[in-house]
Amino acid sequence: MMIGKHDGVDHSHYMALVLDKASSISPNAGVGWMLCRNGRVLAIRGSMHGERLDALLEDIDVYGEAADLYLSSPPNPLFVDSQVLLDVAIRGQIKQILFPQLDAHLCAPFEPQPLLSPATVDIVPLPSWLLEIRSYLTLQTYMQKHRPWVTCVTSADLCGRESSLETFEHEFGAMDYLRNLFQGAHFIATQPHSMPTSLDKLTNNLGHDLPPYSMSHLHEAKTLLSQGYANKQTSCVLVTSVAFAASLVKEGLVDEIVYHLSLGRGLPNEQPIRLLSDEWEIFSSAQFSNGIRLNARRKGLYVCDNLSKLKLGRLN
């Protein structure tokens, strides 16, 4: 039988549409849903962890009769409450609710909420490899470490000395990449003079303003992360000097580093800093005329994640 097939229908195709929608909102914190009847898409929308999902419930009321509802992840405290979902699905006469099912050994940090099939709605768990792994890792970080997933953006010269991100402002695609990164975050924070001037007045992909929070000291960064956890914000970007980035890494507060290395000389009399130790793994890079960008994540993030290796390719 084809993986992802149920009742003669290849649901993996429809689930891919839902995952793409969630990823277009935020690769780390996006959620998505789709209503489909007899192979026809009636509604497909996305949001982010922790947001009110009135739109999802409204879509079920409007399009639910005899329709299949696809969710990008299992119901969980940061997506949609399982009991509320069931109540609305029954009222809307949903035929099936389909979502990627986590393996038992992965459930604890994710805290999915079980859905019990009532007589009128069929609950269809799909294979775990259909789950978007970046979203899973974000939730895992939030649940286990009580803070958002942290992406740290910084810049140095090839010797590890302080350098400005503005060195890359006129490089093709460099600022667009950062803009997309910011737009998929719940919030951003920067040290003074760290943010390129071309990246002001940002909004995220839900249309919410993203005024960067200012931080000058480590305790301010910790406070922002604690506030993010309390506000159910699962993904943030910190734009810092390389020295501040090293302090955050030492405290275990960084999950991903977007490291710009300039071919020019860094600030004079600055102490070189080795930011990427053996604990980090480079998973992608981009080359520019005056330097490179390295994307790295901590090794061991996937030790407890026994999903298919095919899923790891989605991280690139």
Protein backbone atom coordinates (compact mmCIF):
# COMPACT_ATOMS: atom_id res chain seq x y z
CA MET A 1 0.00 0.00 0.00
CA MET A 2 1.24 3.49 -0.78
CA ILE A 3 2.55 5.36 2.25
CA GLY A 4 0.02 7.97 3.32
CA LYS A 5 -2.83 6.15 1.58
CA HIS A 6 -6.16 5.62 3.35
CA ASP A 7 -9.49 4.45 1.90
CA GLY A 8 -7.90 4.42 -1.57
CA VAL A 9 -6.82 8.07 -1.41
CA ASP A 10 -3.19 9.22 -1.36
CA HIS A 11 -3.45 11.76 1.44
CA SER A 12 0.28 12.56 1.36
CA HIS A 13 -0.35 14.80 -1.67
CA TYR A 14 -2.90 16.88 0.21
CA MET A 15 -0.77 16.90 3.34
CA ALA A 16 2.13 18.30 1.30
CA LEU A 17 -0.08 21.26 0.36
CA VAL A 18 -0.86 21.90 4.02
CA LEU A 19 2.81 21.67 5.04
CA ASP A 20 3.80 24.07 2.26
CA LYS A 21 1.18 26.52 3.50
CA ALA A 22 2.45 26.29 7.07
CA SER A 23 6.05 26.70 5.91
CA SER A 24 5.17 29.77 3.83
CA ILE A 25 3.99 31.47 7.04
CA SER A 26 7.01 30.30 9.05
CA PRO A 27 9.33 27.32 8.46
CA ASN A 28 9.83 27.04 12.23
CA ALA A 29 6.53 28.18 13.73
CA GLY A 30 3.96 27.82 10.97
CA VAL A 31 0.75 25.80 11.20
CA GLY A 32 -1.65 25.05 8.38
CA TRP A 33 -4.99 23.49 7.59
CA MET A 34 -7.00 22.58 4.54
CA LEU A 35 -10.59 21.53 3.90
CA CYS A 36 -11.14 19.26 0.92
CA ARG A 37 -14.28 17.56 -0.45
CA ASN A 38 -14.13 14.85 -3.11
CA GLY A 39 -10.63 15.93 -4.11
CA ARG A 40 -11.56 19.62 -4.40
CA VAL A 41 -9.77 22.11 -2.15
CA LEU A 42 -12.33 24.34 -0.43
CA ALA A 43 -10.03 26.36 1.83
CA ILE A 44 -6.36 26.35 2.71
CA ARG A 45 -4.85 28.73 5.25
CA GLY A 46 -2.01 29.07 7.71
CA SER A 47 -1.03 30.77 10.94
CA MET A 48 1.65 30.51 13.65
CA HIS A 49 1.99 28.73 16.97
CA GLY A 50 0.18 30.44 19.81
CA GLU A 51 -2.12 32.54 17.61
CA ARG A 52 -5.90 32.48 17.95
CA LEU A 53 -7.27 30.17 15.30
CA ASP A 54 -10.72 31.64 14.82
CA ALA A 55 -10.16 31.36 11.06
CA LEU A 56 -9.75 27.57 11.30
CA LEU A 57 -12.99 27.20 13.26
CA GLU A 58 -14.80 29.55 10.88
CA ASP A 59 -13.59 27.54 7.86
CA ILE A 60 -14.97 24.36 9.43
CA ASP A 61 -18.35 26.01 9.99
CA VAL A 62 -18.47 27.28 6.39
CA TYR A 63 -16.93 24.39 4.42
CA GLY A 64 -17.07 21.45 6.82
CA GLU A 65 -20.05 19.45 5.58
CA ALA A 66 -18.77 16.06 4.33
CA ALA A 67 -15.27 17.52 3.98
CA ASP A 68 -11.87 16.22 5.04
CA LEU A 69 -9.83 18.44 7.36
CA TYR A 70 -6.03 18.24 7.06
CA LEU A 71 -3.82 19.65 9.84
CA SER A 72 -0.08 20.26 9.51
CA SER A 73 0.59 18.71 12.94
CA PRO A 74 -1.31 16.84 15.66
CA PRO A 75 -3.48 18.98 17.94
CA ASN A 76 -1.30 20.44 20.69
CA PRO A 77 -1.46 23.33 23.17
CA LEU A 78 0.15 25.75 20.70
CA PHE A 79 -1.96 24.85 17.67
CA VAL A 80 -5.57 23.96 18.41
CA ASP A 81 -7.28 22.43 21.44
CA SER A 82 -8.44 18.92 20.61
CA GLN A 83 -11.81 19.14 22.37
CA VAL A 84 -12.68 22.50 20.80
CA LEU A 85 -11.66 21.10 17.42
CA LEU A 86 -13.85 18.03 17.85
CA ASP A 87 -16.86 20.04 18.98
CA VAL A 88 -16.64 22.33 15.96
CA ALA A 89 -15.91 19.40 13.60
CA ILE A 90 -19.02 17.56 14.77
CA ARG A 91 -21.15 20.69 14.41
CA GLY A 92 -19.67 21.37 10.97
CA GLN A 93 -20.23 17.73 9.89
CA ILE A 94 -16.56 17.10 9.07
CA LYS A 95 -16.04 13.67 7.55
CA GLN A 96 -12.38 13.08 8.51
CA ILE A 97 -9.61 14.83 10.44
CA LEU A 98 -6.16 13.89 9.13
CA PHE A 99 -2.74 14.82 10.56
CA PRO A 100 0.78 13.34 10.86
CA GLN A 101 0.92 10.95 13.82
CA LEU A 102 3.98 11.12 16.07
CA ASP A 103 5.69 7.89 17.07
CA ALA A 104 5.14 7.03 20.74
CA HIS A 105 8.73 7.81 21.80
CA LEU A 106 8.43 11.33 20.35
CA CYS A 107 5.17 12.30 22.00
CA ALA A 108 6.33 13.45 25.45
CA PRO A 109 8.12 16.69 24.54
CA PHE A 110 5.61 17.52 21.85
CA GLU A 111 2.59 17.06 24.14
CA PRO A 112 0.06 16.21 21.45
CA GLN A 113 -3.54 16.07 22.59
CA PRO A 114 -5.30 12.80 21.74
CA LEU A 115 -8.29 12.89 19.44
CA LEU A 116 -10.91 10.22 20.08
CA SER A 117 -13.10 9.33 17.12
CA PRO A 118 -16.73 10.19 17.77
CA ALA A 119 -19.34 8.34 15.75
CA THR A 120 -19.64 11.10 13.16
CA VAL A 121 -15.97 12.05 12.57
CA ASP A 122 -13.19 9.71 11.48
CA ILE A 123 -9.75 10.46 12.97
CA VAL A 124 -7.00 9.40 10.54
CA PRO A 125 -3.38 9.52 11.77
CA LEU A 126 -0.95 9.63 8.86
CA PRO A 127 2.71 8.47 8.86
CA SER A 128 5.05 10.43 11.14
CA TRP A 129 7.47 11.30 8.32
CA LEU A 130 4.83 13.65 6.92
CA LEU A 131 5.30 15.93 9.93
CA GLU A 132 7.35 19.06 9.18
CA ILE A 133 10.49 18.41 11.22
CA ARG A 134 11.49 22.06 11.67
CA SER A 135 8.15 22.80 13.27
CA TYR A 136 8.55 19.72 15.46
CA LEU A 137 12.02 20.83 16.65
CA THR A 138 10.67 24.29 17.44
CA LEU A 139 7.89 22.84 19.57
CA GLN A 140 10.30 20.43 21.21
CA THR A 141 12.58 23.33 22.17
CA TYR A 142 9.67 25.37 23.52
CA MET A 143 8.29 22.47 25.59
CA GLN A 144 11.60 21.23 26.98
CA LYS A 145 13.64 24.43 27.41
CA HIS A 146 10.79 26.84 28.19
CA ARG A 147 11.91 29.36 25.59
CA PRO A 148 11.48 29.99 21.86
CA TRP A 149 13.67 28.45 19.21
CA VAL A 150 16.50 30.98 18.86
CA THR A 151 18.18 31.82 15.56
CA CYS A 152 21.19 34.09 16.08
CA VAL A 153 22.37 36.27 13.18
CA THR A 154 25.90 37.64 13.42
CA SER A 155 28.95 38.65 11.38
CA ALA A 156 32.73 38.45 11.63
CA ASP A 157 35.80 38.49 9.41
CA LEU A 158 37.59 35.26 8.52
CA CYS A 159 39.69 35.54 11.68
CA GLY A 160 36.62 35.79 13.91
CA ARG A 161 36.93 39.50 14.61
CA GLU A 162 33.89 41.74 14.81
CA SER A 163 32.43 42.80 11.46
CA SER A 164 29.23 44.56 10.39
CA LEU A 165 26.28 42.91 8.67
CA GLU A 166 26.06 46.02 6.51
CA THR A 167 29.07 44.62 4.65
CA PHE A 168 26.56 42.30 2.96
CA GLU A 169 23.79 44.83 2.31
CA HIS A 170 24.48 45.08 -1.42
CA GLU A 171 25.12 41.37 -1.95
CA PHE A 172 22.46 39.72 -4.11
CA GLY A 173 19.96 37.84 -1.96
CA ALA A 174 21.71 38.45 1.37
CA MET A 175 19.19 40.90 2.82
CA ASP A 176 16.23 39.11 1.22
CA TYR A 177 17.27 35.97 3.06
CA LEU A 178 17.35 37.82 6.38
CA ARG A 179 14.06 39.57 5.65
CA ASN A 180 12.38 36.20 5.04
CA LEU A 181 13.96 34.85 8.21
CA PHE A 182 12.59 37.75 10.25
CA GLN A 183 9.14 37.54 8.68
CA GLY A 184 8.80 33.94 9.87
CA ALA A 185 9.60 34.80 13.51
CA HIS A 186 7.33 35.75 16.38
CA PHE A 187 9.75 38.52 17.36
CA ILE A 188 13.24 39.85 16.72
CA ALA A 189 15.75 41.53 19.04
CA THR A 190 18.99 43.29 18.27
CA GLN A 191 21.97 44.85 19.90
CA PRO A 192 22.39 48.56 19.14
CA HIS A 193 23.83 49.15 15.64
CA SER A 194 23.65 45.44 14.74
CA MET A 195 20.64 45.55 12.41
CA PRO A 196 21.28 46.59 8.77
CA THR A 197 19.47 49.85 8.07
CA SER A 198 17.70 48.37 5.04
CA LEU A 199 15.76 45.98 7.29
CA ASP A 200 13.67 48.41 9.29
CA LYS A 201 9.86 48.61 9.47
CA LEU A 202 9.34 44.86 9.13
CA THR A 203 6.14 42.86 9.50
CA ASN A 204 5.86 39.11 9.89
CA ASN A 205 3.93 36.90 7.48
CA LEU A 206 0.73 37.35 9.48
CA GLY A 207 0.93 41.11 8.97
CA HIS A 208 1.99 41.89 12.55
CA ASP A 209 4.57 44.63 13.04
CA LEU A 210 8.03 43.44 14.03
CA PRO A 211 9.67 46.33 15.86
CA PRO A 212 13.02 44.93 17.00
CA TYR A 213 13.47 44.77 20.74
CA SER A 214 16.72 46.28 21.95
CA MET A 215 19.11 44.33 24.17
CA SER A 216 22.55 45.27 25.42
CA HIS A 217 23.19 42.65 28.09
CA LEU A 218 22.76 38.91 28.47
CA HIS A 219 20.12 39.27 31.18
CA GLU A 220 18.00 41.36 28.79
CA ALA A 221 18.13 38.58 26.20
CA LYS A 222 17.09 36.04 28.85
CA THR A 223 14.18 38.26 29.88
CA LEU A 224 12.98 38.54 26.28
CA LEU A 225 13.12 34.75 25.86
CA SER A 226 11.19 34.23 29.11
CA GLN A 227 8.56 36.70 27.95
CA GLY A 228 8.37 34.92 24.60
CA TYR A 229 7.71 31.63 26.37
CA ALA A 230 4.98 33.21 28.51
CA ASN A 231 3.36 34.67 25.37
CA LYS A 232 3.41 31.30 23.53
CA GLN A 233 5.95 32.61 21.01
CA THR A 234 8.00 29.70 19.74
CA SER A 235 10.48 31.26 17.30
CA CYS A 236 12.66 34.37 17.44
CA VAL A 237 15.70 35.91 15.76
CA LEU A 238 18.46 37.70 17.66
CA VAL A 239 20.83 39.98 15.70
CA THR A 240 24.04 40.41 17.64
CA SER A 241 27.77 41.00 17.60
CA VAL A 242 29.89 37.89 17.40
CA ALA A 243 31.00 38.36 21.02
CA PHE A 244 27.39 38.56 22.22
CA ALA A 245 26.54 35.53 20.09
CA ALA A 246 29.35 33.61 21.80
CA SER A 247 27.90 34.55 25.21
CA LEU A 248 24.46 33.32 24.17
CA VAL A 249 25.93 30.08 22.86
CA LYS A 250 27.82 29.53 26.13
CA GLU A 251 24.54 29.91 28.03
CA GLY A 252 22.85 27.33 25.79
CA LEU A 253 20.42 29.92 24.40
CA VAL A 254 21.04 29.46 20.66
CA ASP A 255 19.67 26.67 18.45
CA GLU A 256 20.71 27.97 15.05
CA ILE A 257 23.41 30.38 13.89
CA VAL A 258 23.34 32.41 10.67
CA TYR A 259 27.02 33.30 10.50
CA HIS A 260 28.28 35.84 7.96
CA LEU A 261 32.03 35.74 7.31
CA SER A 262 33.43 38.75 5.48
CA LEU A 263 36.58 38.71 3.35
CA GLY A 264 37.39 42.21 4.60
CA ARG A 265 39.19 42.95 7.82
CA GLY A 266 37.16 43.15 10.98
CA LEU A 267 37.32 45.86 13.60
CA PRO A 268 40.92 46.60 14.70
CA ASN A 269 42.13 45.43 18.11
CA GLU A 270 39.18 43.05 18.46
CA GLN A 271 39.85 39.66 20.00
CA PRO A 272 39.16 36.84 17.51
CA ILE A 273 36.30 34.59 18.62
CA ARG A 274 35.73 31.01 17.58
CA LEU A 275 31.96 30.82 17.43
CA LEU A 276 31.41 27.43 15.82
CA SER A 277 32.87 24.65 17.94
CA ASP A 278 32.63 20.90 17.31
CA GLU A 279 29.15 21.01 18.86
CA TRP A 280 27.84 22.71 15.73
CA GLU A 281 27.05 21.30 12.32
CA ILE A 282 26.89 23.40 9.14
CA PHE A 283 23.85 22.36 7.12
CA SER A 284 23.84 25.01 4.37
CA SER A 285 25.88 27.92 3.02
CA ALA A 286 25.76 30.73 0.47
CA GLN A 287 28.66 32.43 -1.28
CA PHE A 288 28.89 36.16 -1.96
CA SER A 289 31.47 38.31 -3.70
CA ASN A 290 32.87 39.51 -0.37
CA GLY A 291 32.27 36.54 1.91
CA ILE A 292 30.02 33.61 2.80
CA ARG A 293 27.01 32.83 4.96
CA LEU A 294 27.01 29.65 7.04
CA ASN A 295 23.91 28.15 8.63
CA ALA A 296 24.66 25.88 11.56
CA ARG A 297 22.65 23.96 14.14
CA ARG A 298 23.70 22.14 17.27
CA LYS A 299 24.62 18.51 16.77
CA GLY A 300 22.40 16.01 18.51
CA LEU A 301 19.15 17.84 17.82
CA TYR A 302 17.95 14.76 16.00
CA VAL A 303 19.21 12.11 18.42
CA CYS A 304 15.74 11.67 19.93
CA ASP A 305 14.13 12.13 16.54
CA ASN A 306 13.84 8.81 14.74
CA LEU A 307 12.01 10.15 11.72
CA SER A 308 13.01 9.12 8.23
CA LYS A 309 16.30 10.50 6.91
CA LEU A 310 14.26 11.83 4.02
CA LYS A 311 12.82 14.37 6.43
CA LEU A 312 16.26 15.73 7.27
CA GLY A 313 16.63 16.84 3.68
CA ARG A 314 13.82 19.32 4.28
CA LEU A 315 16.09 21.26 6.62
CA ASN A 316 18.28 22.42 3.73
